[in-house]
PDB file of N, CA and C in Angstrom:
ATOM      1  N   MET A   1     210.865 -44.382 204.856  1.00  0.00           N
ATOM      2  CA  MET A   1     209.967 -44.707 205.044  1.00  0.00           C
ATOM      3  C   MET A   1     209.746 -44.741 206.839  1.00  0.00           C
ATOM      4  N   ASN A   2     208.218 -44.335 207.328  1.00  0.00           N
ATOM      5  CA  ASN A   2     208.362 -44.184 208.370  1.00  0.00           C
ATOM      6  C   ASN A   2     208.155 -45.475 209.437  1.00  0.00           C
ATOM      7  N   ARG A   3     208.696 -46.123 210.622  1.00  0.00           N
ATOM      8  CA  ARG A   3     208.465 -47.484 210.812  1.00  0.00           C
ATOM      9  C   ARG A   3     207.246 -47.948 211.627  1.00  0.00           C
ATOM     10  N   LEU A   4     206.159 -46.750 211.255  1.00  0.00           N
ATOM     11  CA  LEU A   4     204.609 -47.003 211.907  1.00  0.00           C
ATOM     12  C   LEU A   4     203.757 -47.236 210.299  1.00  0.00           C
ATOM     13  N   ASP A   5     204.640 -47.230 208.843  1.00  0.00           N
ATOM     14  CA  ASP A   5     204.308 -47.654 207.283  1.00  0.00           C
ATOM     15  C   ASP A   5     203.884 -49.281 207.656  1.00  0.00           C
ATOM     16  N   THR A   6     204.874 -49.790 208.406  1.00  0.00           N
ATOM     17  CA  THR A   6     204.803 -51.416 208.474  1.00  0.00           C
ATOM     18  C   THR A   6     204.170 -52.269 209.324  1.00  0.00           C
ATOM     19  N   LEU A   7     203.613 -53.166 208.926  1.00  0.00           N
ATOM     20  CA  LEU A   7     202.833 -54.070 209.627  1.00  0.00           C
ATOM     21  C   LEU A   7     203.775 -54.526 211.024  1.00  0.00           C
ATOM     22  N   GLU A   8     205.164 -55.189 211.055  1.00  0.00           N
ATOM     23  CA  GLU A   8     206.094 -55.082 211.382  1.00  0.00           C
ATOM     24  C   GLU A   8     206.877 -54.143 212.562  1.00  0.00           C
ATOM     25  N   GLY A   9     206.667 -52.730 212.091  1.00  0.00           N
ATOM     26  CA  GLY A   9     207.150 -51.145 212.971  1.00  0.00           C
ATOM     27  C   GLY A   9     205.819 -51.277 214.082  1.00  0.00           C
ATOM     28  N   LEU A  10     205.005 -51.134 213.127  1.00  0.00           N
ATOM     29  CA  LEU A  10     204.146 -51.032 214.276  1.00  0.00           C
ATOM     30  C   LEU A  10     203.903 -51.967 215.530  1.00  0.00           C
ATOM     31  N   SER A  11     203.821 -52.991 214.695  1.00  0.00           N
ATOM     32  CA  SER A  11     203.923 -54.867 215.771  1.00  0.00           C
ATOM     33  C   SER A  11     204.717 -54.248 216.881  1.00  0.00           C
ATOM     34  N   GLY A  12     205.370 -53.784 216.556  1.00  0.00           N
ATOM     35  CA  GLY A  12     206.708 -53.508 217.621  1.00  0.00           C
ATOM     36  C   GLY A  12     207.153 -52.492 218.346  1.00  0.00           C
ATOM     37  N   LEU A  13     206.157 -51.239 217.740  1.00  0.00           N
ATOM     38  CA  LEU A  13     205.641 -50.190 219.241  1.00  0.00           C
ATOM     39  C   LEU A  13     204.818 -50.115 219.865  1.00  0.00           C
ATOM     40  N   LEU A  14     203.400 -51.390 219.758  1.00  0.00           N
ATOM     41  CA  LEU A  14     202.865 -51.892 220.227  1.00  0.00           C
ATOM     42  C   LEU A  14     202.909 -53.008 220.890  1.00  0.00           C
ATOM     43  N   ALA A  15     204.159 -53.811 220.744  1.00  0.00           N
ATOM     44  CA  ALA A  15     204.935 -54.658 221.999  1.00  0.00           C
ATOM     45  C   ALA A  15     205.296 -53.774 223.163  1.00  0.00           C
ATOM     46  N   ALA A  16     205.959 -53.468 222.641  1.00  0.00           N
ATOM     47  CA  ALA A  16     206.922 -52.101 223.712  1.00  0.00           C
ATOM     48  C   ALA A  16     206.296 -52.213 224.529  1.00  0.00           C
ATOM     49  N   ALA A  17     204.742 -51.186 224.078  1.00  0.00           N
ATOM     50  CA  ALA A  17     204.330 -50.335 225.128  1.00  0.00           C
ATOM     51  C   ALA A  17     203.572 -51.342 225.570  1.00  0.00           C
ATOM     52  N   PHE A  18     203.194 -52.310 225.255  1.00  0.00           N
ATOM     53  CA  PHE A  18     202.219 -53.568 226.379  1.00  0.00           C
ATOM     54  C   PHE A  18     203.351 -53.914 227.285  1.00  0.00           C
ATOM     55  N   ASP A  19     204.582 -54.701 226.322  1.00  0.00           N
ATOM     56  CA  ASP A  19     205.360 -55.008 227.828  1.00  0.00           C
ATOM     57  C   ASP A  19     205.607 -53.462 228.589  1.00  0.00           C
ATOM     58  N   SER A  20     205.389 -52.683 228.474  1.00  0.00           N
ATOM     59  CA  SER A  20     205.883 -51.384 229.243  1.00  0.00           C
ATOM     60  C   SER A  20     205.400 -51.336 230.573  1.00  0.00           C
ATOM     61  N   GLY A  21     204.412 -52.080 230.826  1.00  0.00           N
ATOM     62  CA  GLY A  21     203.343 -51.585 231.869  1.00  0.00           C
ATOM     63  C   GLY A  21     203.199 -50.077 231.925  1.00  0.00           C
ATOM     64  N   ASP A  22     203.246 -49.552 231.385  1.00  0.00           N
ATOM     65  CA  ASP A  22     203.174 -48.277 231.714  1.00  0.00           C
ATOM     66  C   ASP A  22     201.806 -47.694 230.599  1.00  0.00           C
ATOM     67  N   ALA A  23     200.690 -47.084 231.484  1.00  0.00           N
ATOM     68  CA  ALA A  23     199.648 -46.775 231.075  1.00  0.00           C
ATOM     69  C   ALA A  23     199.623 -45.441 229.952  1.00  0.00           C
ATOM     70  N   GLY A  24     200.511 -44.618 230.506  1.00  0.00           N
ATOM     71  CA  GLY A  24     200.818 -43.215 229.470  1.00  0.00           C
ATOM     72  C   GLY A  24     201.380 -43.797 228.214  1.00  0.00           C
ATOM     73  N   VAL A  25     203.033 -44.895 228.459  1.00  0.00           N
ATOM     74  CA  VAL A  25     203.209 -44.904 227.586  1.00  0.00           C
ATOM     75  C   VAL A  25     202.461 -46.097 226.107  1.00  0.00           C
ATOM     76  N   LEU A  26     201.794 -46.835 227.185  1.00  0.00           N
ATOM     77  CA  LEU A  26     200.335 -47.268 225.937  1.00  0.00           C
ATOM     78  C   LEU A  26     199.429 -46.478 225.174  1.00  0.00           C
ATOM     79  N   ALA A  27     199.196 -45.538 226.233  1.00  0.00           N
ATOM     80  CA  ALA A  27     198.406 -44.337 225.207  1.00  0.00           C
ATOM     81  C   ALA A  27     198.688 -43.861 224.171  1.00  0.00           C
ATOM     82  N   GLU A  28     200.330 -43.429 224.494  1.00  0.00           N
ATOM     83  CA  GLU A  28     200.284 -42.525 223.299  1.00  0.00           C
ATOM     84  C   GLU A  28     200.748 -44.068 222.058  1.00  0.00           C
ATOM     85  N   ALA A  29     201.421 -45.180 222.373  1.00  0.00           N
ATOM     86  CA  ALA A  29     201.113 -45.613 221.149  1.00  0.00           C
ATOM     87  C   ALA A  29     199.949 -46.275 220.820  1.00  0.00           C
ATOM     88  N   LEU A  30     199.132 -46.180 221.560  1.00  0.00           N
ATOM     89  CA  LEU A  30     197.452 -46.395 220.735  1.00  0.00           C
ATOM     90  C   LEU A  30     197.295 -45.420 220.001  1.00  0.00           C
ATOM     91  N   ASP A  31     197.345 -43.887 220.485  1.00  0.00           N
ATOM     92  CA  ASP A  31     197.521 -43.052 219.674  1.00  0.00           C
ATOM     93  C   ASP A  31     198.228 -42.854 218.313  1.00  0.00           C
ATOM     94  N   ALA A  32     199.072 -43.223 218.299  1.00  0.00           N
ATOM     95  CA  ALA A  32     200.350 -42.895 217.558  1.00  0.00           C
ATOM     96  C   ALA A  32     200.062 -44.093 216.415  1.00  0.00           C
ATOM     97  N   ALA A  33     199.869 -45.082 216.826  1.00  0.00           N
ATOM     98  CA  ALA A  33     198.627 -46.071 215.976  1.00  0.00           C
ATOM     99  C   ALA A  33     197.988 -46.051 215.609  1.00  0.00           C
ATOM    100  N   SER A  34     196.578 -45.140 215.851  1.00  0.00           N
ATOM    101  CA  SER A  34     195.346 -45.018 215.159  1.00  0.00           C
ATOM    102  C   SER A  34     195.670 -44.192 214.056  1.00  0.00           C
ATOM    103  N   ARG A  35     197.185 -43.412 214.422  1.00  0.00           N
ATOM    104  CA  ARG A  35     197.471 -42.149 212.590  1.00  0.00           C
ATOM    105  C   ARG A  35     198.218 -43.012 211.990  1.00  0.00           C
ATOM    106  N   ALA A  36     198.773 -44.244 211.856  1.00  0.00           N
ATOM    107  CA  ALA A  36     199.726 -44.646 211.063  1.00  0.00           C
ATOM    108  C   ALA A  36     199.311 -44.928 210.562  1.00  0.00           C
ATOM    109  N   HIS A  37     200.250 -45.427 208.788  1.00  0.00           N
ATOM    110  CA  HIS A  37     199.371 -46.183 207.719  1.00  0.00           C
ATOM    111  C   HIS A  37     199.455 -47.384 207.856  1.00  0.00           C
ATOM    112  N   GLY A  38     200.248 -48.196 208.858  1.00  0.00           N
ATOM    113  CA  GLY A  38     200.197 -49.735 209.238  1.00  0.00           C
ATOM    114  C   GLY A  38     199.160 -50.072 209.187  1.00  0.00           C
ATOM    115  N   THR A  39     198.301 -48.948 209.946  1.00  0.00           N
ATOM    116  CA  THR A  39     197.113 -49.608 210.369  1.00  0.00           C
ATOM    117  C   THR A  39     196.246 -50.471 209.793  1.00  0.00           C
ATOM    118  N   ALA A  40     196.066 -50.122 208.592  1.00  0.00           N
ATOM    119  CA  ALA A  40     195.281 -50.890 207.421  1.00  0.00           C
ATOM    120  C   ALA A  40     195.958 -52.153 207.581  1.00  0.00           C
ATOM    121  N   ALA A  41     197.821 -52.561 207.470  1.00  0.00           N
ATOM    122  CA  ALA A  41     198.375 -53.791 207.333  1.00  0.00           C
ATOM    123  C   ALA A  41     197.267 -54.749 209.015  1.00  0.00           C
ATOM    124  N   LEU A  42     197.356 -54.044 209.851  1.00  0.00           N
ATOM    125  CA  LEU A  42     197.194 -54.054 211.448  1.00  0.00           C
ATOM    126  C   LEU A  42     195.623 -55.142 211.083  1.00  0.00           C
ATOM    127  N   ALA A  43     194.949 -54.037 210.436  1.00  0.00           N
ATOM    128  CA  ALA A  43     193.538 -54.540 210.056  1.00  0.00           C
ATOM    129  C   ALA A  43     193.264 -55.610 209.981  1.00  0.00           C
ATOM    130  N   ALA A  44     193.885 -56.042 208.513  1.00  0.00           N
ATOM    131  CA  ALA A  44     193.469 -56.872 207.728  1.00  0.00           C
ATOM    132  C   ALA A  44     193.945 -57.949 208.646  1.00  0.00           C
ATOM    133  N   ALA A  45     194.974 -57.958 208.866  1.00  0.00           N
ATOM    134  CA  ALA A  45     196.064 -59.218 209.666  1.00  0.00           C
ATOM    135  C   ALA A  45     195.055 -59.828 211.241  1.00  0.00           C
ATOM    136  N   ALA A  46     194.720 -58.625 211.724  1.00  0.00           N
ATOM    137  CA  ALA A  46     193.150 -59.308 212.868  1.00  0.00           C
ATOM    138  C   ALA A  46     192.292 -59.442 212.361  1.00  0.00           C
ATOM    139  N   GLY A  47     191.730 -59.334 211.060  1.00  0.00           N
ATOM    140  CA  GLY A  47     190.326 -59.672 210.593  1.00  0.00           C
ATOM    141  C   GLY A  47     189.350 -58.208 210.945  1.00  0.00           C
ATOM    142  N   LEU A  48     189.571 -57.187 211.281  1.00  0.00           N
ATOM    143  CA  LEU A  48     188.829 -55.917 211.925  1.00  0.00           C
ATOM    144  C   LEU A  48     188.730 -54.634 210.796  1.00  0.00           C
ATOM    145  N   PRO A  49     187.989 -54.583 210.504  1.00  0.00           N
ATOM    146  CA  PRO A  49     187.455 -53.814 209.847  1.00  0.00           C
ATOM    147  C   PRO A  49     188.145 -51.962 210.423  1.00  0.00           C
ATOM    148  N   GLN A  50     189.077 -51.492 209.049  1.00  0.00           N
ATOM    149  CA  GLN A  50     190.015 -50.513 209.540  1.00  0.00           C
ATOM    150  C   GLN A  50     189.907 -49.226 210.397  1.00  0.00           C
ATOM    151  N   ALA A  51     188.675 -48.782 209.780  1.00  0.00           N
ATOM    152  CA  ALA A  51     187.828 -47.643 210.673  1.00  0.00           C
ATOM    153  C   ALA A  51     187.399 -48.042 211.930  1.00  0.00           C
ATOM    154  N   GLU A  52     186.841 -48.971 212.105  1.00  0.00           N
ATOM    155  CA  GLU A  52     186.711 -49.526 213.631  1.00  0.00           C
ATOM    156  C   GLU A  52     188.066 -49.380 214.662  1.00  0.00           C
ATOM    157  N   LEU A  53     189.191 -50.544 213.809  1.00  0.00           N
ATOM    158  CA  LEU A  53     190.045 -50.116 214.769  1.00  0.00           C
ATOM    159  C   LEU A  53     190.808 -49.099 214.810  1.00  0.00           C
ATOM    160  N   ARG A  54     191.233 -48.042 213.950  1.00  0.00           N
ATOM    161  CA  ARG A  54     191.365 -46.742 214.124  1.00  0.00           C
ATOM    162  C   ARG A  54     190.665 -45.989 215.250  1.00  0.00           C
ATOM    163  N   ALA A  55     189.488 -46.302 215.399  1.00  0.00           N
ATOM    164  CA  ALA A  55     188.712 -45.690 216.450  1.00  0.00           C
ATOM    165  C   ALA A  55     188.829 -46.740 217.426  1.00  0.00           C
ATOM    166  N   ALA A  56     189.382 -47.577 217.970  1.00  0.00           N
ATOM    167  CA  ALA A  56     189.223 -48.126 219.183  1.00  0.00           C
ATOM    168  C   ALA A  56     190.634 -47.441 220.038  1.00  0.00           C
ATOM    169  N   LEU A  57     191.553 -47.804 218.899  1.00  0.00           N
ATOM    170  CA  LEU A  57     192.831 -47.053 219.084  1.00  0.00           C
ATOM    171  C   LEU A  57     193.407 -45.866 219.682  1.00  0.00           C
ATOM    172  N   ALA A  58     192.198 -45.113 218.942  1.00  0.00           N
ATOM    173  CA  ALA A  58     191.946 -43.050 219.307  1.00  0.00           C
ATOM    174  C   ALA A  58     191.654 -43.185 220.427  1.00  0.00           C
ATOM    175  N   SER A  59     190.434 -43.500 220.431  1.00  0.00           N
ATOM    176  CA  SER A  59     190.039 -43.903 222.197  1.00  0.00           C
ATOM    177  C   SER A  59     190.853 -44.302 223.026  1.00  0.00           C
ATOM    178  N   GLY A  60     191.595 -45.744 222.557  1.00  0.00           N
ATOM    179  CA  GLY A  60     192.116 -46.599 224.239  1.00  0.00           C
ATOM    180  C   GLY A  60     191.074 -47.203 224.273  1.00  0.00           C
ATOM    181  N   GLU A  61     189.711 -47.586 224.129  1.00  0.00           N
ATOM    182  CA  GLU A  61     188.736 -48.397 224.558  1.00  0.00           C
ATOM    183  C   GLU A  61     188.513 -49.466 223.748  1.00  0.00           C
ATOM    184  N   MET A  62     189.309 -50.712 223.992  1.00  0.00           N
ATOM    185  CA  MET A  62     188.892 -51.281 223.043  1.00  0.00           C
ATOM    186  C   MET A  62     188.317 -52.794 223.992  1.00  0.00           C
ATOM    187  N   SER A  63     187.754 -53.329 222.575  1.00  0.00           N
ATOM    188  CA  SER A  63     187.057 -54.403 223.489  1.00  0.00           C
ATOM    189  C   SER A  63     188.231 -55.566 223.490  1.00  0.00           C
ATOM    190  N   LEU A  64     187.471 -56.658 224.710  1.00  0.00           N
ATOM    191  CA  LEU A  64     188.697 -57.873 224.952  1.00  0.00           C
ATOM    192  C   LEU A  64     188.711 -58.537 223.551  1.00  0.00           C
ATOM    193  N   GLU A  65     187.954 -58.437 222.708  1.00  0.00           N
ATOM    194  CA  GLU A  65     187.891 -59.181 221.252  1.00  0.00           C
ATOM    195  C   GLU A  65     188.986 -59.054 220.567  1.00  0.00           C
ATOM    196  N   THR A  66     188.879 -57.314 220.551  1.00  0.00           N
ATOM    197  CA  THR A  66     189.463 -56.523 219.450  1.00  0.00           C
ATOM    198  C   THR A  66     191.317 -56.225 219.959  1.00  0.00           C
ATOM    199  N   THR A  67     191.145 -56.464 221.842  1.00  0.00           N
ATOM    200  CA  THR A  67     192.372 -56.417 222.351  1.00  0.00           C
ATOM    201  C   THR A  67     193.708 -57.768 221.453  1.00  0.00           C
ATOM    202  N   LEU A  68     192.286 -59.011 221.878  1.00  0.00           N
ATOM    203  CA  LEU A  68     193.130 -60.223 221.682  1.00  0.00           C
ATOM    204  C   LEU A  68     193.805 -60.804 220.387  1.00  0.00           C
ATOM    205  N   ALA A  69     192.876 -59.830 219.664  1.00  0.00           N
ATOM    206  CA  ALA A  69     193.001 -60.140 218.113  1.00  0.00           C
ATOM    207  C   ALA A  69     194.255 -59.142 217.420  1.00  0.00           C
ATOM    208  N   ILE A  70     194.287 -57.838 217.724  1.00  0.00           N
ATOM    209  CA  ILE A  70     195.396 -57.203 218.271  1.00  0.00           C
ATOM    210  C   ILE A  70     197.360 -58.130 218.295  1.00  0.00           C
ATOM    211  N   MET A  71     196.578 -58.482 219.643  1.00  0.00           N
ATOM    212  CA  MET A  71     198.024 -59.196 220.517  1.00  0.00           C
ATOM    213  C   MET A  71     198.340 -60.503 219.596  1.00  0.00           C
ATOM    214  N   LYS A  72     197.570 -61.131 218.870  1.00  0.00           N
ATOM    215  CA  LYS A  72     198.010 -62.317 218.268  1.00  0.00           C
ATOM    216  C   LYS A  72     198.824 -62.048 217.162  1.00  0.00           C
ATOM    217  N   VAL A  73     198.133 -60.416 216.519  1.00  0.00           N
ATOM    218  CA  VAL A  73     199.262 -60.044 215.362  1.00  0.00           C
ATOM    219  C   VAL A  73     201.044 -59.719 216.429  1.00  0.00           C
ATOM    220  N   ILE A  74     200.448 -58.952 216.903  1.00  0.00           N
ATOM    221  CA  ILE A  74     201.340 -58.336 217.155  1.00  0.00           C
ATOM    222  C   ILE A  74     203.004 -59.480 217.839  1.00  0.00           C
ATOM    223  N   ASP A  75     202.068 -60.948 218.297  1.00  0.00           N
ATOM    224  CA  ASP A  75     202.911 -62.002 218.791  1.00  0.00           C
ATOM    225  C   ASP A  75     203.814 -62.593 217.452  1.00  0.00           C
ATOM    226  N   LEU A  76     202.883 -62.533 216.239  1.00  0.00           N
ATOM    227  CA  LEU A  76     203.436 -62.735 215.056  1.00  0.00           C
ATOM    228  C   LEU A  76     204.165 -62.520 214.401  1.00  0.00           C
ATOM    229  N   HIS A  77     203.990 -60.896 214.305  1.00  0.00           N
ATOM    230  CA  HIS A  77     204.859 -60.100 213.490  1.00  0.00           C
ATOM    231  C   HIS A  77     205.902 -59.148 214.177  1.00  0.00           C
ATOM    232  N   SER A  78     206.226 -58.766 215.743  1.00  0.00           N
ATOM    233  CA  SER A  78     207.088 -57.782 216.274  1.00  0.00           C
ATOM    234  C   SER A  78     208.162 -58.653 216.495  1.00  0.00           C
ATOM    235  N   SER A  79     209.441 -57.820 216.320  1.00  0.00           N
ATOM    236  CA  SER A  79     210.529 -58.586 216.242  1.00  0.00           C
ATOM    237  C   SER A  79     211.077 -59.132 217.513  1.00  0.00           C
ATOM    238  N   PRO A  80     211.590 -60.140 217.821  1.00  0.00           N
ATOM    239  CA  PRO A  80     212.204 -60.507 219.416  1.00  0.00           C
ATOM    240  C   PRO A  80     213.171 -59.242 219.659  1.00  0.00           C
TER     241      PRO A  80
END
């Protein structure tokens, strides 16, 4: 199983990308997340439609509301 198939794995990837402070790393992580199977669980946990979340992740242009919803999920599900 790919680590991006789970909510925890996807959250860990995104948390590390945000923490890196590197725009290139974050862009790559968002792109990978847009194609990951775990995005369905992330969308459900964030209360967002999956298609909307995938489009936002793929474009790298997320609203503040979407970003905050994702960050709350990341905070709850990423490994310390």
